[in-house]
Amino acid sequence: MLDLAKKPYHLTEEQIQLLQDNVQKMSLDEKIGQLFFVIGQDEDQVDINEFIQTYRPGGMMYRPASAEKIKRQLATAQEASEIPLFFSANLESGGNGIISEGTWFGMPLQIAATNDPTHAYELGNVAGHEAAQVGCNMSFSPIVDIDKNFRNPITNTRTFGSDQERVIQMAAAQINGLEQNGILPVIKHFPGDGVDERDQHLLSTVNSLTADEWMDSYGKIYQTFIDQGVTSIMIGHILQPAWERKLSPKIADADLKPASASKLLIDGLLRDKLGFNGLAITDATPMIGYNAILPREELLPATINAGIDMILFNKNIDEDYAFIKKAVENGTLKLERIEEAVLRILATKLTHGLFDSKLPETLDLNIEEHAKKAAAAAKKSVTLVKDRDQLLPVTVKRYPRIRMVVLGDSDDGGFKEGGQVSGLFQSQLESLGFEVSLYDRQHLNFHEIFEEGVAEMKEKFDLALYIANIETASNQTTTRLDWIHLMAADAPWFMKSIPTIFISTANPYHLFDIPAVSTYINTYTGNKESIDAVIRKMTGTEAFEGISPVDPFCGDLTAKQLF
């Protein structure tokens, strides 16, 4: 099935023969090592040189640390490996995906709200430049999922929205920016997240579209990028029952599998139907959505047999390697299939210049310049969804005293990007002359909760400003508003009597839970540049320019009309 003379490789006969000869010289242990894309090792915990020589992995994925430390660790690992390693990170929203001082450029949904692919290019360009400076050569992005279900707790602001044409346009520009910096993009998550409302970290989720619906949406996206020569695709722990049944009409329900273990979806749909000849990598295999399919001893070989080339992360690395080796020894997994996967891995590394790449001698991160580009995207993206009662602009003359209530603002959970926004909002508003009182969720006032009326509220503040910084995170089941459980003490019961403005710095769908609020603004990202922009806009010094890449009313037409 693999043809290295064709897209996306276009290798010569000599190059192909050289790779084939190299694969034949490799031991079985070396071949098995190439199949694994392992967790980036910390020099403070592990001897990286010894780790690489022991396990000989094909790639490593790192989480953010200081640029100096990441660069040193990647250089150590690369020097210890006979075959160059893929070094990847989640560069979904900027260089902060790999280095702690990197630029948080903006969430993809924010970039989509600019309606200008120039900013998507700069997202890839900024992230790619900063990542390349420390030796990163691959990005697990862009995300090409469609945010079809507003209840999905994972896709949300990590996507370019609900319009497939905008997803294609923005992802293509982001890819261009990454590739300009020598970063290999990996689009994800095939066969497509965003239909289900659950989290594949916790269970195998379902893309429930019909085969035709899938082809007209997700299929069109993947076909477009495959035709354009995308080299690598990440495979999710996501079922697509309609296509499995189309390819195997007699398949039993019990035999339906997520794409990460489905030969029908990988060899059948992705490779045969869509013509993908490139590298297929699983999403992280510690996820329950993966491990719930089969016993891990059976599942890892089944993944390679399905047509996938690389396994992302391990549980127990020695055990995982042993599972693959045992499957070869007992004939469950043919050596030829492993060699095909290894050949594709090496071809991808050759095509993208990994055998000749050199690490920059000095760090040139361009953080200040990149911050200006992030600010330009923020200026163009902040979206005024509604201002029913014309509460804007917010001026000191109109609303000198502001009660500020912040929801979320937690670092708990994976994918969290920006930490807290409370201080940024409060300090900037106070610098403009507003008197800001921050609602104290930790020390509740009994009288205020149970007895206080509108008149007493008006004696304390002129405007209620609600800010929700409830970020998408792995291993959670919802991104909904969660008021204080005692009497919903922090909810704006007074919103029809006292001017109330709601700003979301993350999830764009909070109107589902608070449809009656008069004024609602989406910023999509909680970085400093976005907060600067929303304050300028809400105080009337700058116009709102953003468009909604999703339906912020969540399909609730009644609520849209009534409120």
Protein backbone atom coordinates (compact mmCIF):
# COMPACT_ATOMS: atom_id res chain seq x y z
CA MET A 1 0.00 0.00 0.00
CA LEU A 2 2.87 2.39 0.79
CA ASP A 3 4.34 4.14 -2.27
CA LEU A 4 7.21 6.46 -1.39
CA ALA A 5 7.46 7.74 -4.97
CA LYS A 6 4.03 9.37 -4.59
CA LYS A 7 2.59 12.18 -2.51
CA PRO A 8 3.47 13.24 0.14
CA TYR A 9 7.02 11.85 -0.25
CA HIS A 10 8.03 12.01 -3.92
CA LEU A 11 11.27 10.12 -3.19
CA THR A 12 13.64 8.93 -5.89
CA GLU A 13 14.41 5.25 -6.47
CA GLU A 14 17.81 5.75 -4.85
CA GLN A 15 16.29 7.33 -1.75
CA ILE A 16 13.71 4.57 -1.47
CA GLN A 17 16.33 1.87 -1.80
CA LEU A 18 18.52 3.52 0.82
CA LEU A 19 15.62 3.63 3.31
CA GLN A 20 14.69 0.02 2.59
CA ASP A 21 18.28 -1.08 3.14
CA ASN A 22 18.39 0.81 6.43
CA VAL A 23 15.19 -0.83 7.65
CA GLN A 24 16.56 -4.29 6.85
CA LYS A 25 19.70 -3.55 8.87
CA MET A 26 17.70 -2.59 11.96
CA SER A 27 17.11 -5.08 14.74
CA LEU A 28 13.56 -5.94 15.80
CA ASP A 29 14.02 -3.88 18.98
CA GLU A 30 15.11 -0.87 16.94
CA LYS A 31 12.10 -1.22 14.66
CA ILE A 32 9.72 -1.48 17.62
CA GLY A 33 11.29 1.61 19.16
CA GLN A 34 10.53 3.66 16.04
CA LEU A 35 6.81 2.86 16.44
CA PHE A 36 6.61 4.74 19.73
CA PHE A 37 6.20 8.49 20.18
CA VAL A 38 7.10 8.77 23.86
CA ILE A 39 6.58 11.38 26.54
CA GLY A 40 9.38 13.95 26.62
CA GLN A 41 11.79 13.03 29.36
CA ASP A 42 12.85 15.50 32.05
CA GLU A 43 16.59 15.76 32.64
CA ASP A 44 15.90 16.28 36.33
CA GLN A 45 14.25 12.86 36.57
CA VAL A 46 15.93 10.71 33.90
CA ASP A 47 19.28 10.30 32.20
CA ILE A 48 18.04 11.27 28.74
CA ASN A 49 21.06 9.84 26.94
CA GLU A 50 20.55 6.47 28.62
CA PHE A 51 16.80 6.56 27.98
CA ILE A 52 17.27 7.12 24.24
CA GLN A 53 19.88 4.40 23.92
CA THR A 54 17.66 1.96 25.80
CA TYR A 55 14.31 2.59 24.07
CA ARG A 56 15.32 4.16 20.71
CA PRO A 57 11.95 5.86 20.21
CA GLY A 58 10.82 7.38 16.94
CA GLY A 59 9.67 10.61 18.54
CA MET A 60 9.16 12.54 21.76
CA MET A 61 6.49 15.05 22.74
CA TYR A 62 7.34 17.74 25.24
CA ARG A 63 5.19 19.91 27.47
CA PRO A 64 6.29 23.50 28.13
CA ALA A 65 9.39 24.35 30.14
CA SER A 66 11.94 27.15 29.86
CA ALA A 67 13.45 27.61 26.41
CA GLU A 68 16.97 26.93 27.66
CA LYS A 69 15.93 23.68 29.33
CA ILE A 70 13.84 22.42 26.40
CA LYS A 71 16.62 23.21 23.94
CA ARG A 72 19.21 21.41 26.09
CA GLN A 73 17.02 18.33 26.56
CA LEU A 74 16.14 18.05 22.87
CA ALA A 75 19.77 18.45 21.86
CA THR A 76 20.80 15.73 24.30
CA ALA A 77 18.16 13.33 23.02
CA GLN A 78 18.90 14.06 19.36
CA GLU A 79 22.62 13.53 19.85
CA ALA A 80 21.99 10.20 21.61
CA SER A 81 19.77 8.82 18.85
CA GLU A 82 21.18 7.12 15.76
CA ILE A 83 18.00 8.00 13.85
CA PRO A 84 16.79 11.61 14.16
CA LEU A 85 13.80 12.00 16.42
CA PHE A 86 10.50 13.75 15.85
CA PHE A 87 10.15 16.38 18.56
CA SER A 88 6.58 17.57 18.82
CA ALA A 89 4.39 19.80 20.97
CA ASN A 90 0.82 21.07 20.98
CA LEU A 91 1.47 24.32 19.11
CA GLU A 92 -2.27 24.91 18.84
CA SER A 93 -2.33 28.47 20.14
CA GLY A 94 1.28 29.63 20.06
CA GLY A 95 4.85 28.97 21.11
CA ASN A 96 3.66 28.60 24.70
CA GLY A 97 2.88 25.02 23.71
CA ILE A 98 6.59 24.18 23.96
CA ILE A 99 8.31 26.90 26.00
CA SER A 100 7.00 28.59 29.12
CA GLU A 101 8.06 32.06 27.97
CA GLY A 102 6.60 31.50 24.51
CA THR A 103 3.86 33.60 22.96
CA TRP A 104 0.26 32.70 23.73
CA PHE A 105 -0.88 33.98 20.36
CA GLY A 106 -4.56 33.06 20.59
CA MET A 107 -6.92 30.11 20.56
CA PRO A 108 -7.89 28.91 17.07
CA LEU A 109 -11.50 30.05 17.55
CA GLN A 110 -10.23 33.56 18.26
CA ILE A 111 -8.23 33.47 15.06
CA ALA A 112 -11.32 32.32 13.17
CA ALA A 113 -13.23 35.28 14.63
CA THR A 114 -10.87 37.65 12.78
CA ASN A 115 -12.21 36.14 9.54
CA ASP A 116 -8.74 36.77 8.14
CA PRO A 117 -6.37 33.87 7.36
CA THR A 118 -3.42 36.24 7.71
CA HIS A 119 -3.76 35.85 11.46
CA ALA A 120 -3.93 32.06 11.13
CA TYR A 121 -0.68 32.19 9.19
CA GLU A 122 0.88 34.28 11.95
CA LEU A 123 -0.35 31.79 14.55
CA GLY A 124 1.62 29.08 12.75
CA ASN A 125 4.54 31.39 12.00
CA VAL A 126 4.95 32.66 15.56
CA ALA A 127 4.54 29.22 17.14
CA GLY A 128 6.76 27.63 14.51
CA HIS A 129 9.56 30.14 14.91
CA GLU A 130 9.67 29.85 18.69
CA ALA A 131 9.47 26.04 18.57
CA ALA A 132 12.20 25.73 15.95
CA GLN A 133 14.56 27.79 18.11
CA VAL A 134 14.65 25.02 20.71
CA GLY A 135 14.79 22.07 18.29
CA CYS A 136 11.13 21.21 17.94
CA ASN A 137 10.41 19.91 14.42
CA MET A 138 6.76 18.80 14.55
CA SER A 139 3.47 20.25 15.74
CA PHE A 140 0.37 18.35 16.81
CA SER A 141 -1.73 20.99 15.08
CA PRO A 142 -3.70 22.40 13.41
CA ILE A 143 -6.92 21.01 14.78
CA VAL A 144 -9.29 20.47 11.85
CA ASP A 145 -12.26 19.28 13.90
CA ILE A 146 -15.62 20.99 13.40
CA ASP A 147 -17.29 22.41 16.50
CA LYS A 148 -20.72 21.01 15.68
CA ASN A 149 -21.87 20.39 19.26
CA PHE A 150 -21.63 23.31 21.67
CA ARG A 151 -21.72 20.88 24.59
CA ASN A 152 -18.44 19.24 23.56
CA PRO A 153 -15.99 20.03 26.38
CA ILE A 154 -12.86 19.43 24.29
CA THR A 155 -13.20 21.03 20.83
CA ASN A 156 -14.69 24.46 21.61
CA THR A 157 -12.07 27.24 21.28
CA ARG A 158 -9.45 24.71 20.13
CA THR A 159 -11.22 24.60 16.74
CA PHE A 160 -11.66 27.11 13.94
CA GLY A 161 -15.41 26.91 14.43
CA SER A 162 -18.46 25.24 12.95
CA ASP A 163 -18.02 26.20 9.28
CA GLN A 164 -15.94 23.64 7.39
CA GLU A 165 -14.84 26.14 4.75
CA ARG A 166 -13.44 28.45 7.40
CA VAL A 167 -11.75 25.47 9.08
CA ILE A 168 -10.04 24.60 5.79
CA GLN A 169 -9.03 28.19 5.09
CA MET A 170 -7.64 28.87 8.55
CA ALA A 171 -5.92 25.50 8.98
CA ALA A 172 -4.25 25.84 5.58
CA ALA A 173 -2.83 29.22 6.60
CA GLN A 174 -1.63 27.87 9.96
CA ILE A 175 0.07 24.96 8.17
CA ASN A 176 1.84 27.43 5.90
CA GLY A 177 3.15 29.36 8.89
CA LEU A 178 4.41 26.22 10.59
CA GLU A 179 6.09 24.87 7.46
CA GLN A 180 7.83 28.21 6.80
CA ASN A 181 9.73 27.48 10.00
CA GLY A 182 10.54 23.85 9.23
CA ILE A 183 7.81 22.48 11.50
CA LEU A 184 5.94 19.39 10.30
CA PRO A 185 2.18 19.83 10.91
CA VAL A 186 0.05 16.94 12.13
CA ILE A 187 -3.65 17.59 11.53
CA LYS A 188 -6.10 16.09 14.03
CA HIS A 189 -8.32 14.29 15.19
CA PHE A 190 -9.40 11.82 12.47
CA PRO A 191 -12.24 10.85 11.93
CA GLY A 192 -13.33 14.08 13.60
CA ASP A 193 -14.19 15.36 17.06
CA GLY A 194 -16.95 17.87 17.81
CA VAL A 195 -20.08 15.84 17.06
CA ASP A 196 -20.25 14.02 20.39
CA GLU A 197 -20.60 15.92 23.67
CA ARG A 198 -18.20 13.67 25.56
CA ASP A 199 -14.45 13.54 26.07
CA GLN A 200 -12.30 10.84 24.46
CA HIS A 201 -9.91 11.13 27.39
CA LEU A 202 -12.64 9.41 29.41
CA LEU A 203 -14.33 7.09 26.88
CA SER A 204 -14.40 6.27 23.19
CA THR A 205 -16.51 9.02 21.64
CA VAL A 206 -18.70 8.82 18.56
CA ASN A 207 -18.82 10.76 15.31
CA SER A 208 -22.44 9.84 14.54
CA LEU A 209 -22.80 11.44 11.10
CA THR A 210 -24.03 9.35 8.20
CA ALA A 211 -21.41 8.34 5.64
CA ASP A 212 -22.62 11.03 3.23
CA GLU A 213 -22.78 13.70 5.95
CA TRP A 214 -19.26 12.77 7.00
CA MET A 215 -17.94 12.99 3.44
CA ASP A 216 -19.53 16.41 2.98
CA SER A 217 -17.95 17.78 6.18
CA TYR A 218 -15.02 16.07 7.87
CA GLY A 219 -14.31 14.03 4.77
CA LYS A 220 -14.07 17.19 2.68
CA ILE A 221 -11.59 18.69 5.14
CA TYR A 222 -9.35 15.62 5.20
CA GLN A 223 -9.61 15.12 1.44
CA THR A 224 -8.57 18.73 0.88
CA PHE A 225 -5.45 18.45 3.00
CA ILE A 226 -4.54 15.01 1.69
CA ASP A 227 -4.79 16.38 -1.85
CA GLN A 228 -2.56 19.29 -0.78
CA GLY A 229 0.07 16.83 0.45
CA VAL A 230 -0.30 16.82 4.23
CA THR A 231 2.28 14.41 5.60
CA SER A 232 0.84 13.35 8.93
CA ILE A 233 -2.56 12.84 10.57
CA MET A 234 -3.38 12.13 14.22
CA ILE A 235 -5.95 9.40 14.78
CA GLY A 236 -8.51 9.89 17.55
CA HIS A 237 -10.21 7.40 19.84
CA ILE A 238 -13.42 8.21 18.00
CA LEU A 239 -15.90 5.86 16.37
CA GLN A 240 -17.45 6.51 12.97
CA PRO A 241 -20.04 3.70 12.80
CA ALA A 242 -21.59 4.74 9.48
CA TRP A 243 -18.35 4.32 7.56
CA GLU A 244 -17.43 1.06 9.24
CA ARG A 245 -20.85 -0.29 8.29
CA LYS A 246 -20.54 1.05 4.75
CA LEU A 247 -17.20 -0.69 4.31
CA SER A 248 -18.34 -3.87 6.09
CA PRO A 249 -22.16 -4.13 5.87
CA LYS A 250 -22.36 -7.26 8.03
CA ILE A 251 -20.22 -5.92 10.86
CA ALA A 252 -21.70 -6.57 14.30
CA ASP A 253 -22.23 -3.65 16.65
CA ALA A 254 -19.81 -5.25 19.12
CA ASP A 255 -17.07 -5.14 16.47
CA LEU A 256 -17.30 -1.39 15.83
CA LYS A 257 -14.09 0.30 16.95
CA PRO A 258 -12.66 3.78 17.35
CA ALA A 259 -10.37 4.81 14.51
CA SER A 260 -7.28 4.21 16.66
CA ALA A 261 -7.90 0.47 16.38
CA SER A 262 -10.09 0.22 13.27
CA LYS A 263 -8.60 -1.25 10.12
CA LEU A 264 -11.81 -0.26 8.33
CA LEU A 265 -11.39 3.41 9.20
CA ILE A 266 -7.61 3.58 8.64
CA ASP A 267 -6.79 1.21 5.79
CA GLY A 268 -10.33 1.37 4.41
CA LEU A 269 -11.49 4.99 4.73
CA LEU A 270 -8.35 7.05 5.31
CA ARG A 271 -5.92 5.22 3.04
CA ASP A 272 -8.06 3.58 0.34
CA LYS A 273 -11.01 5.98 0.06
CA LEU A 274 -9.25 9.28 0.79
CA GLY A 275 -5.87 8.22 -0.61
CA PHE A 276 -3.70 9.10 2.38
CA ASN A 277 -0.19 7.74 1.89
CA GLY A 278 1.42 9.54 4.81
CA LEU A 279 2.18 9.00 8.47
CA ALA A 280 -0.65 8.07 10.87
CA ILE A 281 -0.10 8.67 14.61
CA THR A 282 -2.53 7.81 17.38
CA ASP A 283 -3.74 10.33 19.88
CA ALA A 284 -2.40 9.72 23.39
CA THR A 285 -2.85 6.06 24.30
CA PRO A 286 -3.08 6.51 28.10
CA MET A 287 -6.60 7.87 27.44
CA ILE A 288 -9.48 5.73 28.66
CA GLY A 289 -11.08 6.18 25.24
CA TYR A 290 -8.23 4.06 23.89
CA ASN A 291 -7.75 1.56 26.68
CA ALA A 292 -11.46 0.74 26.93
CA ILE A 293 -11.41 -0.87 23.47
CA LEU A 294 -9.43 -4.05 24.21
CA PRO A 295 -6.86 -5.31 26.72
CA ARG A 296 -3.73 -3.24 26.06
CA GLU A 297 -1.75 -6.36 25.17
CA GLU A 298 -4.15 -6.94 22.27
CA LEU A 299 -4.80 -3.29 21.51
CA LEU A 300 -1.28 -2.09 20.70
CA PRO A 301 -0.71 -4.74 17.99
CA ALA A 302 -4.26 -4.15 16.70
CA THR A 303 -3.41 -0.46 16.31
CA ILE A 304 -0.41 -1.20 14.08
CA ASN A 305 -2.39 -3.85 12.18
CA ALA A 306 -5.10 -1.26 11.53
CA GLY A 307 -2.64 0.73 9.42
CA ILE A 308 -1.40 3.21 12.03
CA ASP A 309 2.34 3.82 12.11
CA MET A 310 3.11 5.39 15.48
CA ILE A 311 1.73 5.00 19.02
CA LEU A 312 1.62 8.18 21.09
CA PHE A 313 2.79 7.76 24.70
CA ASN A 314 3.03 4.71 26.92
CA LYS A 315 1.68 3.42 30.14
CA ASN A 316 4.56 1.18 31.27
CA ILE A 317 7.07 1.58 28.46
CA ASP A 318 8.81 -1.78 29.01
CA GLU A 319 5.44 -3.55 29.04
CA ASP A 320 4.24 -1.77 25.89
CA TYR A 321 7.39 -2.68 23.96
CA ALA A 322 7.05 -6.27 25.17
CA PHE A 323 3.43 -6.43 23.96
CA ILE A 324 4.51 -5.52 20.43
CA LYS A 325 7.45 -7.93 20.47
CA LYS A 326 5.28 -10.78 21.74
CA ALA A 327 2.72 -10.10 18.98
CA VAL A 328 5.47 -10.43 16.37
CA GLU A 329 6.73 -13.64 17.92
CA ASN A 330 3.28 -15.27 18.02
CA GLY A 331 2.32 -14.06 14.55
CA THR A 332 -0.43 -11.65 15.63
CA LEU A 333 1.56 -8.81 14.13
CA LYS A 334 3.54 -9.47 10.98
CA LEU A 335 7.08 -8.16 10.71
CA GLU A 336 6.21 -6.85 7.24
CA ARG A 337 3.58 -4.52 8.73
CA ILE A 338 6.09 -3.16 11.26
CA GLU A 339 8.65 -2.63 8.51
CA GLU A 340 6.09 -0.76 6.42
CA ALA A 341 5.36 1.53 9.36
CA VAL A 342 9.06 2.09 10.04
CA LEU A 343 9.70 2.80 6.37
CA ARG A 344 6.96 5.44 6.41
CA ILE A 345 8.41 6.96 9.60
CA LEU A 346 11.91 7.18 8.12
CA ALA A 347 10.57 8.53 4.83
CA THR A 348 8.73 11.28 6.69
CA LYS A 349 11.92 12.20 8.54
CA LEU A 350 13.90 12.22 5.31
CA THR A 351 11.34 14.25 3.40
CA HIS A 352 11.28 16.92 6.08
CA GLY A 353 15.05 17.18 6.36
CA LEU A 354 15.49 15.73 9.81
CA PHE A 355 18.63 13.84 8.79
CA ASP A 356 20.30 17.15 7.91
CA SER A 357 18.77 19.57 10.42
CA LYS A 358 20.89 21.60 12.82
CA LEU A 359 19.82 23.34 16.00
CA PRO A 360 20.16 27.16 16.01
CA GLU A 361 23.24 28.18 17.99
CA THR A 362 21.49 31.03 19.81
CA LEU A 363 17.94 31.61 20.99
CA ASP A 364 16.13 34.25 18.94
CA LEU A 365 12.54 34.11 20.16
CA ASN A 366 11.32 37.56 19.01
CA ILE A 367 8.83 37.65 21.89
CA GLU A 368 8.11 41.41 21.65
CA GLU A 369 7.46 41.29 17.91
CA HIS A 370 5.24 38.25 18.34
CA ALA A 371 3.24 39.96 21.09
CA LYS A 372 2.42 42.76 18.63
CA LYS A 373 1.11 40.20 16.15
CA ALA A 374 -1.01 38.60 18.89
CA ALA A 375 -2.38 42.04 19.74
CA ALA A 376 -3.34 42.60 16.11
CA ALA A 377 -5.29 39.34 16.10
CA ALA A 378 -6.99 40.24 19.38
CA LYS A 379 -8.00 43.66 18.05
CA LYS A 380 -9.68 42.03 15.05
CA SER A 381 -11.36 39.15 16.92
CA VAL A 382 -13.17 40.35 20.07
CA THR A 383 -16.87 39.89 19.29
CA LEU A 384 -19.86 41.82 20.58
CA VAL A 385 -22.64 39.22 20.47
CA LYS A 386 -25.35 41.51 21.81
CA ASP A 387 -25.92 44.81 23.62
CA ARG A 388 -29.68 44.79 24.02
CA ASP A 389 -30.01 47.74 26.37
CA GLN A 390 -27.08 49.76 24.98
CA LEU A 391 -25.03 49.40 28.13
CA LEU A 392 -21.89 50.13 26.14
CA PRO A 393 -19.69 52.05 26.29
CA VAL A 394 -18.64 51.57 29.89
CA THR A 395 -17.36 54.92 31.14
CA VAL A 396 -16.46 56.23 34.58
CA LYS A 397 -19.21 58.82 34.23
CA ARG A 398 -21.89 56.17 33.59
CA TYR A 399 -20.66 53.40 35.88
CA PRO A 400 -18.06 54.64 38.36
CA ARG A 401 -18.42 51.59 40.67
CA ILE A 402 -18.07 48.10 39.19
CA ARG A 403 -18.80 44.83 40.95
CA MET A 404 -16.61 42.26 39.19
CA VAL A 405 -17.46 38.57 39.42
CA VAL A 406 -14.98 36.09 37.91
CA LEU A 407 -15.94 32.51 37.15
CA GLY A 408 -13.42 29.75 36.46
CA ASP A 409 -9.92 31.25 36.44
CA SER A 410 -8.39 27.87 37.31
CA ASP A 411 -5.25 26.10 36.10
CA ASP A 412 -6.73 22.68 36.85
CA GLY A 413 -6.83 20.22 33.94
CA GLY A 414 -5.00 19.67 30.68
CA PHE A 415 -4.99 22.25 27.83
CA LYS A 416 -5.17 25.12 30.31
CA GLU A 417 -3.34 28.02 28.72
CA GLY A 418 -3.47 31.30 30.53
CA GLY A 419 -4.15 31.00 34.22
CA GLN A 420 -6.06 33.83 35.86
CA VAL A 421 -7.56 36.95 34.27
CA SER A 422 -8.95 38.60 37.42
CA GLY A 423 -5.89 40.71 38.12
CA LEU A 424 -5.54 41.90 34.54
CA PHE A 425 -9.13 43.12 34.37
CA GLN A 426 -9.12 44.72 37.80
CA SER A 427 -5.82 46.56 37.41
CA GLN A 428 -6.69 47.94 33.98
CA LEU A 429 -10.16 49.09 34.98
CA GLU A 430 -8.82 50.75 38.12
CA SER A 431 -6.11 52.49 36.08
CA LEU A 432 -8.94 54.03 34.01
CA GLY A 433 -10.53 55.44 37.15
CA PHE A 434 -13.17 52.82 37.96
CA GLU A 435 -13.74 51.65 41.51
CA VAL A 436 -13.69 47.85 41.25
CA SER A 437 -14.88 45.48 43.95
CA LEU A 438 -14.08 41.81 43.30
CA TYR A 439 -16.71 39.33 44.45
CA ASP A 440 -15.17 37.09 47.12
CA ARG A 441 -16.35 33.53 46.49
CA GLN A 442 -14.40 32.26 49.49
CA HIS A 443 -16.03 34.49 52.10
CA LEU A 444 -19.76 34.77 51.44
CA ASN A 445 -21.90 37.45 53.08
CA PHE A 446 -25.02 35.89 54.61
CA HIS A 447 -27.06 39.10 54.40
CA GLU A 448 -26.17 39.66 50.74
CA ILE A 449 -27.09 36.10 49.80
CA PHE A 450 -30.38 35.75 51.63
CA GLU A 451 -31.70 39.21 52.45
CA GLU A 452 -30.23 41.94 50.28
CA GLY A 453 -32.50 43.68 47.76
CA VAL A 454 -32.00 45.76 44.64
CA ALA A 455 -31.81 49.11 46.44
CA GLU A 456 -28.99 47.91 48.67
CA MET A 457 -27.15 46.52 45.65
CA LYS A 458 -27.46 49.87 43.86
CA GLU A 459 -25.95 51.59 46.86
CA LYS A 460 -22.78 49.49 46.36
CA PHE A 461 -22.24 49.36 42.60
CA ASP A 462 -23.45 50.81 39.31
CA LEU A 463 -22.50 47.95 36.97
CA ALA A 464 -22.07 44.22 37.42
CA LEU A 465 -19.26 42.86 35.25
CA TYR A 466 -19.22 39.07 34.92
CA ILE A 467 -16.10 37.46 33.46
CA ALA A 468 -16.03 33.74 32.69
CA ASN A 469 -12.58 32.25 32.19
CA ILE A 470 -13.75 28.64 31.96
CA GLU A 471 -11.23 27.03 29.64
CA THR A 472 -11.53 23.80 27.73
CA ALA A 473 -9.71 21.05 29.63
CA SER A 474 -9.13 17.33 29.29
CA ASN A 475 -10.77 14.87 31.64
CA GLN A 476 -13.77 17.04 32.37
CA THR A 477 -17.33 16.57 31.22
CA THR A 478 -18.57 20.13 30.85
CA THR A 479 -17.52 23.74 30.34
CA ARG A 480 -20.83 25.13 31.56
CA LEU A 481 -21.35 27.92 34.10
CA ASP A 482 -21.16 26.59 37.63
CA TRP A 483 -22.51 29.07 40.14
CA ILE A 484 -21.80 28.83 43.86
CA HIS A 485 -23.96 25.91 44.90
CA LEU A 486 -25.40 27.72 47.91
CA MET A 487 -28.36 29.64 46.43
CA ALA A 488 -26.34 30.35 43.25
CA ALA A 489 -24.99 33.16 45.39
CA ASP A 490 -22.84 34.76 42.69
CA ALA A 491 -25.44 34.62 39.89
CA PRO A 492 -26.82 37.98 38.65
CA TRP A 493 -30.42 37.65 39.85
CA PHE A 494 -30.60 41.46 39.63
CA MET A 495 -29.68 41.74 35.93
CA LYS A 496 -33.04 43.27 34.94
CA SER A 497 -32.59 46.04 37.52
CA ILE A 498 -28.85 46.75 37.54
CA PRO A 499 -26.75 47.01 34.33
CA THR A 500 -24.98 43.69 33.82
CA ILE A 501 -22.32 42.81 31.25
CA PHE A 502 -20.96 39.32 30.65
CA ILE A 503 -17.56 38.68 29.06
CA SER A 504 -16.29 35.21 28.20
CA THR A 505 -12.53 34.87 27.76
CA ALA A 506 -12.83 31.21 26.78
CA ASN A 507 -15.99 29.21 26.02
CA PRO A 508 -18.15 31.16 23.51
CA TYR A 509 -21.37 29.38 24.47
CA HIS A 510 -22.24 30.76 27.91
CA LEU A 511 -25.42 32.41 26.62
CA PHE A 512 -26.92 28.94 26.86
CA ASP A 513 -26.84 29.35 30.65
CA ILE A 514 -27.41 33.09 30.91
CA PRO A 515 -29.58 34.08 27.89
CA ALA A 516 -31.29 37.02 29.62
CA VAL A 517 -28.12 39.05 30.17
CA SER A 518 -28.23 42.33 28.29
CA THR A 519 -24.68 42.57 26.98
CA TYR A 520 -22.50 39.61 26.03
CA ILE A 521 -18.95 39.66 24.61
CA ASN A 522 -16.68 36.81 23.45
CA THR A 523 -12.90 37.15 23.43
CA TYR A 524 -12.15 33.40 22.99
CA THR A 525 -8.69 33.74 24.60
CA GLY A 526 -7.61 34.88 28.06
CA ASN A 527 -4.21 36.26 27.08
CA LYS A 528 -3.18 39.81 27.96
CA GLU A 529 -3.59 41.03 24.40
CA SER A 530 -7.25 39.96 24.32
CA ILE A 531 -8.01 41.53 27.70
CA ASP A 532 -6.38 44.78 26.56
CA ALA A 533 -8.54 44.69 23.44
CA VAL A 534 -11.84 43.95 25.16
CA ILE A 535 -11.31 46.75 27.67
CA ARG A 536 -10.58 49.22 24.87
CA LYS A 537 -13.71 48.12 23.06
CA MET A 538 -16.07 48.05 26.03
CA THR A 539 -14.93 51.51 27.11
CA GLY A 540 -15.58 52.89 23.63
CA THR A 541 -12.05 53.69 22.47
CA GLU A 542 -12.07 51.01 19.79
CA ALA A 543 -14.76 49.38 17.65
CA PHE A 544 -15.74 45.72 17.87
CA GLU A 545 -14.61 43.85 14.73
CA GLY A 546 -14.93 40.12 15.45
CA ILE A 547 -17.41 37.76 13.82
CA SER A 548 -18.81 34.68 15.56
CA PRO A 549 -17.26 31.50 14.07
CA VAL A 550 -19.95 29.50 15.90
CA ASP A 551 -23.55 30.11 16.94
CA PRO A 552 -23.20 31.79 20.37
CA PHE A 553 -26.93 31.33 20.99
CA CYS A 554 -26.46 27.54 20.78
CA GLY A 555 -29.38 27.11 18.38
CA ASP A 556 -31.83 28.48 20.96
CA LEU A 557 -33.85 30.74 18.66
CA THR A 558 -36.50 31.35 21.30
CA ALA A 559 -33.91 32.67 23.73
CA LYS A 560 -32.35 34.76 20.96
CA GLN A 561 -35.69 36.41 20.20
CA LEU A 562 -36.88 36.83 23.79
CA PHE A 563 -33.66 37.99 25.35
